[in-house]
């Protein structure tokens, strides 16, 4: 049985989120949650939130959450908020505030 959870528009750059997702991909769900709890990265909080949601979705389908494994986990790029920063001599720099879409798919196979 499969279970899926998606966090959209997370205010975290996809590059930083992928660093965390790559560490938990393929692990047991409970094992991954424990690993995420002690990671020093800011993205670990977001990935743990999605993983807990996927586990809850699996429990709604009467699947055994302890046997679930992270089948696939990936991060897509969301929209980019563009802000302008004034510079000298009337110029401006663009600041890009990136967003992520984090997807986790659990499977018991």
PDB file of N, CA and C in Angstrom:
ATOM      1  N   UNK A   1       0.836  -1.174   0.000  1.00  0.00           N
ATOM      2  CA  UNK A   1       0.000   0.000   0.000  1.00  0.00           C
ATOM      3  C   UNK A   1       0.889   1.249   0.000  1.00  0.00           C
ATOM      4  N   UNK A   2       0.480   2.223  -0.743  1.00  0.00           N
ATOM      5  CA  UNK A   2       1.266   3.454  -0.850  1.00  0.00           C
ATOM      6  C   UNK A   2       0.557   4.605  -0.166  1.00  0.00           C
ATOM      7  N   UNK A   3       1.350   5.545   0.297  1.00  0.00           N
ATOM      8  CA  UNK A   3       0.843   6.747   0.939  1.00  0.00           C
ATOM      9  C   UNK A   3       1.705   7.914   0.484  1.00  0.00           C
ATOM     10  N   UNK A   4       1.064   9.059   0.263  1.00  0.00           N
ATOM     11  CA  UNK A   4       1.781  10.202  -0.307  1.00  0.00           C
ATOM     12  C   UNK A   4       1.428  11.473   0.457  1.00  0.00           C
ATOM     13  N   UNK A   5       2.397  12.364   0.578  1.00  0.00           N
ATOM     14  CA  UNK A   5       2.159  13.676   1.184  1.00  0.00           C
ATOM     15  C   UNK A   5       2.996  14.710   0.450  1.00  0.00           C
ATOM     16  N   UNK A   6       2.415  15.898   0.270  1.00  0.00           N
ATOM     17  CA  UNK A   6       3.100  16.978  -0.448  1.00  0.00           C
ATOM     18  C   UNK A   6       3.011  18.255   0.382  1.00  0.00           C
ATOM     19  N   UNK A   7       4.140  18.919   0.531  1.00  0.00           N
ATOM     20  CA  UNK A   7       4.167  20.249   1.137  1.00  0.00           C
ATOM     21  C   UNK A   7       4.502  21.222   0.021  1.00  0.00           C
ATOM     22  N   UNK A   8       3.575  22.115  -0.251  1.00  0.00           N
ATOM     23  CA  UNK A   8       3.782  23.064  -1.336  1.00  0.00           C
ATOM     24  C   UNK A   8       4.085  24.459  -0.777  1.00  0.00           C
ATOM     25  N   UNK A   9       4.846  25.210  -1.530  1.00  0.00           N
ATOM     26  CA  UNK A   9       5.201  26.597  -1.201  1.00  0.00           C
ATOM     27  C   UNK A   9       5.960  26.729   0.115  1.00  0.00           C
ATOM     28  N   UNK A  10       6.860  25.814   0.387  1.00  0.00           N
ATOM     29  CA  UNK A  10       7.701  25.915   1.586  1.00  0.00           C
ATOM     30  C   UNK A  10       8.745  26.997   1.343  1.00  0.00           C
ATOM     31  N   UNK A  11       8.904  27.898   2.292  1.00  0.00           N
ATOM     32  CA  UNK A  11       9.861  29.006   2.124  1.00  0.00           C
ATOM     33  C   UNK A  11      11.267  28.520   2.447  1.00  0.00           C
ATOM     34  N   UNK A  12      11.759  27.660   1.582  1.00  0.00           N
ATOM     35  CA  UNK A  12      13.068  27.050   1.718  1.00  0.00           C
ATOM     36  C   UNK A  12      13.569  26.820   0.309  1.00  0.00           C
ATOM     37  N   UNK A  13      14.819  27.115   0.064  1.00  0.00           N
ATOM     38  CA  UNK A  13      15.324  26.928  -1.293  1.00  0.00           C
ATOM     39  C   UNK A  13      15.380  25.431  -1.620  1.00  0.00           C
ATOM     40  N   UNK A  14      15.097  25.057  -2.861  1.00  0.00           N
ATOM     41  CA  UNK A  14      15.113  23.646  -3.232  1.00  0.00           C
ATOM     42  C   UNK A  14      16.473  22.990  -3.010  1.00  0.00           C
ATOM     43  N   UNK A  15      17.533  23.740  -3.177  1.00  0.00           N
ATOM     44  CA  UNK A  15      18.871  23.183  -2.995  1.00  0.00           C
ATOM     45  C   UNK A  15      19.089  22.730  -1.552  1.00  0.00           C
ATOM     46  N   UNK A  16      18.630  23.531  -0.602  1.00  0.00           N
ATOM     47  CA  UNK A  16      18.793  23.184   0.807  1.00  0.00           C
ATOM     48  C   UNK A  16      17.853  22.048   1.214  1.00  0.00           C
ATOM     49  N   UNK A  17      16.679  22.003   0.600  1.00  0.00           N
ATOM     50  CA  UNK A  17      15.735  20.931   0.908  1.00  0.00           C
ATOM     51  C   UNK A  17      16.223  19.602   0.334  1.00  0.00           C
ATOM     52  N   UNK A  18      16.813  19.627  -0.848  1.00  0.00           N
ATOM     53  CA  UNK A  18      17.302  18.391  -1.477  1.00  0.00           C
ATOM     54  C   UNK A  18      18.426  17.755  -0.668  1.00  0.00           C
ATOM     55  N   UNK A  19      19.222  18.591  -0.015  1.00  0.00           N
ATOM     56  CA  UNK A  19      20.322  18.084   0.814  1.00  0.00           C
ATOM     57  C   UNK A  19      19.774  17.173   1.917  1.00  0.00           C
ATOM     58  N   UNK A  20      18.643  17.548   2.495  1.00  0.00           N
ATOM     59  CA  UNK A  20      18.038  16.766   3.569  1.00  0.00           C
ATOM     60  C   UNK A  20      17.304  15.546   3.010  1.00  0.00           C
ATOM     61  N   UNK A  21      16.556  15.734   1.924  1.00  0.00           N
ATOM     62  CA  UNK A  21      15.768  14.651   1.339  1.00  0.00           C
ATOM     63  C   UNK A  21      16.673  13.518   0.861  1.00  0.00           C
ATOM     64  N   UNK A  22      17.835  13.854   0.343  1.00  0.00           N
ATOM     65  CA  UNK A  22      18.763  12.829  -0.135  1.00  0.00           C
ATOM     66  C   UNK A  22      19.259  11.934   0.996  1.00  0.00           C
ATOM     67  N   UNK A  23      19.305  12.467   2.224  1.00  0.00           N
ATOM     68  CA  UNK A  23      19.787  11.692   3.359  1.00  0.00           C
ATOM     69  C   UNK A  23      18.768  10.674   3.873  1.00  0.00           C
ATOM     70  N   UNK A  24      17.461  10.933   3.648  1.00  0.00           N
ATOM     71  CA  UNK A  24      16.442  10.034   4.195  1.00  0.00           C
ATOM     72  C   UNK A  24      15.800   9.131   3.147  1.00  0.00           C
ATOM     73  N   UNK A  25      16.062   9.355   1.885  1.00  0.00           N
ATOM     74  CA  UNK A  25      15.443   8.559   0.829  1.00  0.00           C
ATOM     75  C   UNK A  25      15.844   7.089   0.966  1.00  0.00           C
ATOM     76  N   UNK A  26      14.852   6.189   0.934  1.00  0.00           N
ATOM     77  CA  UNK A  26      15.114   4.760   1.019  1.00  0.00           C
ATOM     78  C   UNK A  26      15.118   4.200   2.432  1.00  0.00           C
ATOM     79  N   UNK A  27      15.042   5.065   3.445  1.00  0.00           N
ATOM     80  CA  UNK A  27      15.072   4.592   4.836  1.00  0.00           C
ATOM     81  C   UNK A  27      13.680   4.191   5.314  1.00  0.00           C
ATOM     82  N   UNK A  28      13.654   3.491   6.429  1.00  0.00           N
ATOM     83  CA  UNK A  28      12.418   3.164   7.115  1.00  0.00           C
ATOM     84  C   UNK A  28      11.815   4.477   7.638  1.00  0.00           C
ATOM     85  N   UNK A  29      10.489   4.587   7.672  1.00  0.00           N
ATOM     86  CA  UNK A  29       9.836   5.847   8.044  1.00  0.00           C
ATOM     87  C   UNK A  29      10.186   6.280   9.470  1.00  0.00           C
ATOM     88  N   UNK A  30      10.125   5.355  10.431  1.00  0.00           N
ATOM     89  CA  UNK A  30      10.449   5.698  11.820  1.00  0.00           C
ATOM     90  C   UNK A  30      11.903   6.070  11.994  1.00  0.00           C
ATOM     91  N   UNK A  31      12.757   5.340  11.296  1.00  0.00           N
ATOM     92  CA  UNK A  31      14.202   5.608  11.327  1.00  0.00           C
ATOM     93  C   UNK A  31      14.502   6.992  10.755  1.00  0.00           C
ATOM     94  N   UNK A  32      13.824   7.342   9.673  1.00  0.00           N
ATOM     95  CA  UNK A  32      14.029   8.640   9.026  1.00  0.00           C
ATOM     96  C   UNK A  32      13.563   9.782   9.924  1.00  0.00           C
ATOM     97  N   UNK A  33      12.424   9.588  10.610  1.00  0.00           N
ATOM     98  CA  UNK A  33      11.929  10.624  11.528  1.00  0.00           C
ATOM     99  C   UNK A  33      12.925  10.888  12.649  1.00  0.00           C
ATOM    100  N   UNK A  34      13.515   9.820  13.171  1.00  0.00           N
ATOM    101  CA  UNK A  34      14.495   9.975  14.245  1.00  0.00           C
ATOM    102  C   UNK A  34      15.743  10.698  13.728  1.00  0.00           C
ATOM    103  N   UNK A  35      16.167  10.363  12.522  1.00  0.00           N
ATOM    104  CA  UNK A  35      17.340  11.014  11.937  1.00  0.00           C
ATOM    105  C   UNK A  35      17.066  12.495  11.690  1.00  0.00           C
ATOM    106  N   UNK A  36      15.864  12.816  11.213  1.00  0.00           N
ATOM    107  CA  UNK A  36      15.510  14.210  10.930  1.00  0.00           C
ATOM    108  C   UNK A  36      15.451  15.043  12.207  1.00  0.00           C
ATOM    109  N   UNK A  37      15.071  14.416  13.298  1.00  0.00           N
ATOM    110  CA  UNK A  37      14.945  15.139  14.569  1.00  0.00           C
ATOM    111  C   UNK A  37      16.282  15.714  15.019  1.00  0.00           C
ATOM    112  N   UNK A  38      17.374  15.018  14.701  1.00  0.00           N
ATOM    113  CA  UNK A  38      18.685  15.444  15.176  1.00  0.00           C
ATOM    114  C   UNK A  38      19.559  16.087  14.105  1.00  0.00           C
ATOM    115  N   UNK A  39      19.009  16.332  12.929  1.00  0.00           N
ATOM    116  CA  UNK A  39      19.792  16.991  11.872  1.00  0.00           C
ATOM    117  C   UNK A  39      19.882  18.483  12.154  1.00  0.00           C
ATOM    118  N   UNK A  40      21.028  19.087  11.882  1.00  0.00           N
ATOM    119  CA  UNK A  40      21.192  20.510  12.160  1.00  0.00           C
ATOM    120  C   UNK A  40      20.639  21.429  11.072  1.00  0.00           C
ATOM    121  N   UNK A  41      20.090  20.853   9.995  1.00  0.00           N
ATOM    122  CA  UNK A  41      19.641  21.672   8.867  1.00  0.00           C
ATOM    123  C   UNK A  41      18.233  22.202   9.089  1.00  0.00           C
ATOM    124  N   UNK A  42      17.966  23.398   8.573  1.00  0.00           N
ATOM    125  CA  UNK A  42      16.648  24.008   8.690  1.00  0.00           C
ATOM    126  C   UNK A  42      15.611  23.224   7.893  1.00  0.00           C
ATOM    127  N   UNK A  43      16.035  22.630   6.792  1.00  0.00           N
ATOM    128  CA  UNK A  43      15.131  21.870   5.940  1.00  0.00           C
ATOM    129  C   UNK A  43      14.622  20.603   6.593  1.00  0.00           C
ATOM    130  N   UNK A  44      15.302  20.117   7.618  1.00  0.00           N
ATOM    131  CA  UNK A  44      14.889  18.892   8.304  1.00  0.00           C
ATOM    132  C   UNK A  44      13.509  19.067   8.943  1.00  0.00           C
ATOM    133  N   UNK A  45      13.212  20.268   9.412  1.00  0.00           N
ATOM    134  CA  UNK A  45      11.909  20.551  10.018  1.00  0.00           C
ATOM    135  C   UNK A  45      10.794  20.369   8.987  1.00  0.00           C
ATOM    136  N   UNK A  46      10.982  20.897   7.785  1.00  0.00           N
ATOM    137  CA  UNK A  46       9.976  20.805   6.727  1.00  0.00           C
ATOM    138  C   UNK A  46       9.800  19.359   6.252  1.00  0.00           C
ATOM    139  N   UNK A  47      10.896  18.645   6.068  1.00  0.00           N
ATOM    140  CA  UNK A  47      10.838  17.269   5.585  1.00  0.00           C
ATOM    141  C   UNK A  47      10.179  16.373   6.644  1.00  0.00           C
ATOM    142  N   UNK A  48      10.473  16.610   7.915  1.00  0.00           N
ATOM    143  CA  UNK A  48       9.847  15.838   8.988  1.00  0.00           C
ATOM    144  C   UNK A  48       8.340  16.079   9.016  1.00  0.00           C
ATOM    145  N   UNK A  49       7.938  17.297   8.755  1.00  0.00           N
ATOM    146  CA  UNK A  49       6.515  17.637   8.731  1.00  0.00           C
ATOM    147  C   UNK A  49       5.788  16.860   7.630  1.00  0.00           C
ATOM    148  N   UNK A  50       6.393  16.780   6.451  1.00  0.00           N
ATOM    149  CA  UNK A  50       5.797  16.047   5.330  1.00  0.00           C
ATOM    150  C   UNK A  50       5.794  14.551   5.631  1.00  0.00           C
ATOM    151  N   UNK A  51       6.859  14.045   6.216  1.00  0.00           N
ATOM    152  CA  UNK A  51       6.950  12.619   6.536  1.00  0.00           C
ATOM    153  C   UNK A  51       5.894  12.221   7.566  1.00  0.00           C
ATOM    154  N   UNK A  52       5.690  13.049   8.584  1.00  0.00           N
ATOM    155  CA  UNK A  52       4.641  12.762   9.571  1.00  0.00           C
ATOM    156  C   UNK A  52       3.259  12.748   8.907  1.00  0.00           C
ATOM    157  N   UNK A  53       3.054  13.634   7.958  1.00  0.00           N
ATOM    158  CA  UNK A  53       1.787  13.671   7.231  1.00  0.00           C
ATOM    159  C   UNK A  53       1.595  12.416   6.395  1.00  0.00           C
ATOM    160  N   UNK A  54       2.653  11.952   5.738  1.00  0.00           N
ATOM    161  CA  UNK A  54       2.568  10.729   4.927  1.00  0.00           C
ATOM    162  C   UNK A  54       2.290   9.517   5.809  1.00  0.00           C
ATOM    163  N   UNK A  55       2.881   9.481   6.996  1.00  0.00           N
ATOM    164  CA  UNK A  55       2.637   8.376   7.931  1.00  0.00           C
ATOM    165  C   UNK A  55       1.177   8.399   8.397  1.00  0.00           C
ATOM    166  N   UNK A  56       0.658   9.588   8.683  1.00  0.00           N
ATOM    167  CA  UNK A  56      -0.741   9.722   9.100  1.00  0.00           C
ATOM    168  C   UNK A  56      -1.679   9.299   7.973  1.00  0.00           C
ATOM    169  N   UNK A  57      -1.325   9.625   6.735  1.00  0.00           N
ATOM    170  CA  UNK A  57      -2.137   9.207   5.589  1.00  0.00           C
ATOM    171  C   UNK A  57      -2.139   7.683   5.461  1.00  0.00           C
ATOM    172  N   UNK A  58      -1.000   7.052   5.737  1.00  0.00           N
ATOM    173  CA  UNK A  58      -0.909   5.595   5.673  1.00  0.00           C
ATOM    174  C   UNK A  58      -1.768   4.957   6.760  1.00  0.00           C
ATOM    175  N   UNK A  59      -1.765   5.561   7.944  1.00  0.00           N
ATOM    176  CA  UNK A  59      -2.571   5.014   9.037  1.00  0.00           C
ATOM    177  C   UNK A  59      -4.060   5.142   8.742  1.00  0.00           C
ATOM    178  N   UNK A  60      -4.450   6.166   8.002  1.00  0.00           N
ATOM    179  CA  UNK A  60      -5.850   6.319   7.594  1.00  0.00           C
ATOM    180  C   UNK A  60      -6.282   5.195   6.649  1.00  0.00           C
ATOM    181  N   UNK A  61      -5.318   4.668   5.901  1.00  0.00           N
ATOM    182  CA  UNK A  61      -5.590   3.556   4.979  1.00  0.00           C
ATOM    183  C   UNK A  61      -5.399   2.199   5.659  1.00  0.00           C
ATOM    184  N   UNK A  62      -5.265   2.191   6.982  1.00  0.00           N
ATOM    185  CA  UNK A  62      -5.075   0.982   7.794  1.00  0.00           C
ATOM    186  C   UNK A  62      -3.798   0.228   7.436  1.00  0.00           C
ATOM    187  N   UNK A  63      -2.769   0.942   7.063  1.00  0.00           N
ATOM    188  CA  UNK A  63      -1.470   0.324   6.800  1.00  0.00           C
ATOM    189  C   UNK A  63      -0.626   0.387   8.074  1.00  0.00           C
ATOM    190  N   UNK A  64       0.332  -0.508   8.195  1.00  0.00           N
ATOM    191  CA  UNK A  64       1.211  -0.526   9.357  1.00  0.00           C
ATOM    192  C   UNK A  64       2.320   0.506   9.147  1.00  0.00           C
ATOM    193  N   UNK A  65       2.294   1.558   9.941  1.00  0.00           N
ATOM    194  CA  UNK A  65       3.230   2.668   9.749  1.00  0.00           C
ATOM    195  C   UNK A  65       4.667   2.263  10.041  1.00  0.00           C
ATOM    196  N   UNK A  66       4.870   1.271  10.916  1.00  0.00           N
ATOM    197  CA  UNK A  66       6.233   0.866  11.268  1.00  0.00           C
ATOM    198  C   UNK A  66       6.929   0.110  10.141  1.00  0.00           C
ATOM    199  N   UNK A  67       6.161  -0.494   9.253  1.00  0.00           N
ATOM    200  CA  UNK A  67       6.742  -1.245   8.131  1.00  0.00           C
ATOM    201  C   UNK A  67       6.941  -0.374   6.893  1.00  0.00           C
ATOM    202  N   UNK A  68       6.475   0.859   6.937  1.00  0.00           N
ATOM    203  CA  UNK A  68       6.561   1.741   5.769  1.00  0.00           C
ATOM    204  C   UNK A  68       7.999   2.179   5.523  1.00  0.00           C
ATOM    205  N   UNK A  69       8.310   2.323   4.245  1.00  0.00           N
ATOM    206  CA  UNK A  69       9.637   2.731   3.807  1.00  0.00           C
ATOM    207  C   UNK A  69       9.472   3.898   2.847  1.00  0.00           C
ATOM    208  N   UNK A  70      10.424   4.815   2.839  1.00  0.00           N
ATOM    209  CA  UNK A  70      10.352   5.963   1.923  1.00  0.00           C
ATOM    210  C   UNK A  70      10.730   5.468   0.534  1.00  0.00           C
ATOM    211  N   UNK A  71       9.707   5.282  -0.287  1.00  0.00           N
ATOM    212  CA  UNK A  71       9.898   4.770  -1.639  1.00  0.00           C
ATOM    213  C   UNK A  71      10.533   5.832  -2.528  1.00  0.00           C
ATOM    214  N   UNK A  72       9.958   7.021  -2.507  1.00  0.00           N
ATOM    215  CA  UNK A  72      10.545   8.111  -3.281  1.00  0.00           C
ATOM    216  C   UNK A  72      10.318   9.418  -2.537  1.00  0.00           C
ATOM    217  N   UNK A  73      11.267  10.293  -2.647  1.00  0.00           N
ATOM    218  CA  UNK A  73      11.195  11.620  -2.032  1.00  0.00           C
ATOM    219  C   UNK A  73      11.925  12.578  -2.942  1.00  0.00           C
ATOM    220  N   UNK A  74      11.266  13.658  -3.284  1.00  0.00           N
ATOM    221  CA  UNK A  74      11.911  14.620  -4.173  1.00  0.00           C
ATOM    222  C   UNK A  74      11.433  16.031  -3.874  1.00  0.00           C
ATOM    223  N   UNK A  75      12.197  16.982  -4.362  1.00  0.00           N
ATOM    224  CA  UNK A  75      11.913  18.396  -4.141  1.00  0.00           C
ATOM    225  C   UNK A  75      11.845  19.086  -5.498  1.00  0.00           C
ATOM    226  N   UNK A  76      10.732  19.743  -5.750  1.00  0.00           N
ATOM    227  CA  UNK A  76      10.574  20.532  -6.969  1.00  0.00           C
ATOM    228  C   UNK A  76      10.660  22.006  -6.621  1.00  0.00           C
ATOM    229  N   UNK A  77      11.009  22.798  -7.611  1.00  0.00           N
ATOM    230  CA  UNK A  77      11.102  24.240  -7.399  1.00  0.00           C
ATOM    231  C   UNK A  77       9.726  24.874  -7.513  1.00  0.00           C
ATOM    232  N   UNK A  78       9.407  25.727  -6.550  1.00  0.00           N
ATOM    233  CA  UNK A  78       8.145  26.449  -6.561  1.00  0.00           C
ATOM    234  C   UNK A  78       8.347  27.824  -7.180  1.00  0.00           C
ATOM    235  N   UNK A  79       7.395  28.710  -6.988  1.00  0.00           N
ATOM    236  CA  UNK A  79       7.532  30.067  -7.515  1.00  0.00           C
ATOM    237  C   UNK A  79       8.642  30.841  -6.800  1.00  0.00           C
ATOM    238  N   UNK A  80       9.101  31.888  -7.428  1.00  0.00           N
ATOM    239  CA  UNK A  80      10.186  32.704  -6.884  1.00  0.00           C
ATOM    240  C   UNK A  80       9.655  34.111  -6.635  1.00  0.00           C
ATOM    241  N   UNK A  81       9.813  34.583  -5.392  1.00  0.00           N
ATOM    242  CA  UNK A  81       9.452  35.968  -5.094  1.00  0.00           C
ATOM    243  C   UNK A  81      10.660  36.832  -5.424  1.00  0.00           C
ATOM    244  N   UNK A  82      10.450  37.860  -6.215  1.00  0.00           N
ATOM    245  CA  UNK A  82      11.557  38.722  -6.607  1.00  0.00           C
ATOM    246  C   UNK A  82      11.447  40.049  -5.859  1.00  0.00           C
ATOM    247  N   UNK A  83      12.542  40.439  -5.239  1.00  0.00           N
ATOM    248  CA  UNK A  83      12.604  41.693  -4.493  1.00  0.00           C
ATOM    249  C   UNK A  83      13.771  42.503  -5.016  1.00  0.00           C
ATOM    250  N   UNK A  84      13.657  43.799  -4.952  1.00  0.00           N
ATOM    251  CA  UNK A  84      14.723  44.678  -5.440  1.00  0.00           C
ATOM    252  C   UNK A  84      15.465  45.280  -4.251  1.00  0.00           C
ATOM    253  N   UNK A  85      16.785  45.336  -4.393  1.00  0.00           N
ATOM    254  CA  UNK A  85      17.639  45.913  -3.370  1.00  0.00           C
ATOM    255  C   UNK A  85      18.372  47.107  -3.997  1.00  0.00           C
ATOM    256  N   UNK A  86      18.228  48.289  -3.426  1.00  0.00           N
ATOM    257  CA  UNK A  86      18.902  49.449  -4.010  1.00  0.00           C
ATOM    258  C   UNK A  86      20.423  49.363  -3.884  1.00  0.00           C
ATOM    259  N   UNK A  87      21.109  49.787  -4.915  1.00  0.00           N
ATOM    260  CA  UNK A  87      22.571  49.818  -4.937  1.00  0.00           C
ATOM    261  C   UNK A  87      23.013  51.240  -5.278  1.00  0.00           C
ATOM    262  N   UNK A  88      24.295  51.412  -5.337  1.00  0.00           N
ATOM    263  CA  UNK A  88      24.812  52.756  -5.580  1.00  0.00           C
ATOM    264  C   UNK A  88      24.551  53.204  -7.020  1.00  0.00           C
ATOM    265  N   UNK A  89      24.572  54.509  -7.224  1.00  0.00           N
ATOM    266  CA  UNK A  89      24.420  55.156  -8.527  1.00  0.00           C
ATOM    267  C   UNK A  89      23.104  54.789  -9.216  1.00  0.00           C
ATOM    268  N   UNK A  90      22.039  54.602  -8.433  1.00  0.00           N
ATOM    269  CA  UNK A  90      20.719  54.384  -9.011  1.00  0.00           C
ATOM    270  C   UNK A  90      20.474  52.984  -9.535  1.00  0.00           C
ATOM    271  N   UNK A  91      21.394  52.086  -9.301  1.00  0.00           N
ATOM    272  CA  UNK A  91      21.200  50.708  -9.777  1.00  0.00           C
ATOM    273  C   UNK A  91      20.400  49.896  -8.755  1.00  0.00           C
ATOM    274  N   UNK A  92      20.065  48.662  -9.143  1.00  0.00           N
ATOM    275  CA  UNK A  92      19.328  47.784  -8.231  1.00  0.00           C
ATOM    276  C   UNK A  92      19.760  46.343  -8.466  1.00  0.00           C
ATOM    277  N   UNK A  93      19.785  45.585  -7.391  1.00  0.00           N
ATOM    278  CA  UNK A  93      20.044  44.155  -7.477  1.00  0.00           C
ATOM    279  C   UNK A  93      18.736  43.408  -7.222  1.00  0.00           C
ATOM    280  N   UNK A  94      18.584  42.248  -7.846  1.00  0.00           N
ATOM    281  CA  UNK A  94      17.402  41.421  -7.624  1.00  0.00           C
ATOM    282  C   UNK A  94      17.714  40.367  -6.564  1.00  0.00           C
ATOM    283  N   UNK A  95      16.841  40.254  -5.585  1.00  0.00           N
ATOM    284  CA  UNK A  95      16.949  39.203  -4.584  1.00  0.00           C
ATOM    285  C   UNK A  95      15.856  38.191  -4.899  1.00  0.00           C
ATOM    286  N   UNK A  96      16.246  36.934  -5.065  1.00  0.00           N
ATOM    287  CA  UNK A  96      15.282  35.883  -5.389  1.00  0.00           C
ATOM    288  C   UNK A  96      15.013  35.054  -4.143  1.00  0.00           C
ATOM    289  N   UNK A  97      13.766  35.064  -3.688  1.00  0.00           N
ATOM    290  CA  UNK A  97      13.368  34.271  -2.530  1.00  0.00           C
ATOM    291  C   UNK A  97      12.644  33.041  -3.064  1.00  0.00           C
ATOM    292  N   UNK A  98      13.351  31.924  -3.059  1.00  0.00           N
ATOM    293  CA  UNK A  98      12.846  30.713  -3.700  1.00  0.00           C
ATOM    294  C   UNK A  98      11.955  29.896  -2.769  1.00  0.00           C
ATOM    295  N   UNK A  99      11.057  29.127  -3.395  1.00  0.00           N
ATOM    296  CA  UNK A  99      10.163  28.242  -2.657  1.00  0.00           C
ATOM    297  C   UNK A  99      10.306  26.817  -3.184  1.00  0.00           C
ATOM    298  N   UNK A 100       9.872  25.852  -2.365  1.00  0.00           N
ATOM    299  CA  UNK A 100      10.007  24.439  -2.714  1.00  0.00           C
ATOM    300  C   UNK A 100       8.668  23.728  -2.593  1.00  0.00           C
ATOM    301  N   UNK A 101       8.528  22.650  -3.370  1.00  0.00           N
ATOM    302  CA  UNK A 101       7.433  21.700  -3.214  1.00  0.00           C
ATOM    303  C   UNK A 101       8.084  20.369  -2.836  1.00  0.00           C
ATOM    304  N   UNK A 102       7.820  19.886  -1.627  1.00  0.00           N
ATOM    305  CA  UNK A 102       8.451  18.661  -1.128  1.00  0.00           C
ATOM    306  C   UNK A 102       7.413  17.522  -1.185  1.00  0.00           C
ATOM    307  N   UNK A 103       7.780  16.416  -1.817  1.00  0.00           N
ATOM    308  CA  UNK A 103       6.898  15.268  -1.975  1.00  0.00           C
ATOM    309  C   UNK A 103       7.552  14.013  -1.402  1.00  0.00           C
ATOM    310  N   UNK A 104       6.795  13.264  -0.606  1.00  0.00           N
ATOM    311  CA  UNK A 104       7.288  12.001  -0.048  1.00  0.00           C
ATOM    312  C   UNK A 104       6.254  10.916  -0.316  1.00  0.00           C
ATOM    313  N   UNK A 105       6.735   9.784  -0.835  1.00  0.00           N
ATOM    314  CA  UNK A 105       5.877   8.634  -1.127  1.00  0.00           C
ATOM    315  C   UNK A 105       6.362   7.457  -0.284  1.00  0.00           C
ATOM    316  N   UNK A 106       5.461   6.928   0.558  1.00  0.00           N
ATOM    317  CA  UNK A 106       5.778   5.781   1.406  1.00  0.00           C
ATOM    318  C   UNK A 106       5.189   4.510   0.806  1.00  0.00           C
ATOM    319  N   UNK A 107       5.870   3.413   1.004  1.00  0.00           N
ATOM    320  CA  UNK A 107       5.387   2.114   0.535  1.00  0.00           C
ATOM    321  C   UNK A 107       5.757   1.049   1.554  1.00  0.00           C
ATOM    322  N   UNK A 108       4.916   0.017   1.681  1.00  0.00           N
ATOM    323  CA  UNK A 108       5.215  -1.054   2.631  1.00  0.00           C
ATOM    324  C   UNK A 108       5.810  -2.282   1.959  1.00  0.00           C
ATOM    325  N   UNK A 109       6.166  -2.177   0.726  1.00  0.00           N
ATOM    326  CA  UNK A 109       6.716  -3.325  -0.015  1.00  0.00           C
ATOM    327  C   UNK A 109       8.218  -3.381   0.079  1.00  0.00           C
TER     328      UNK A 109
END
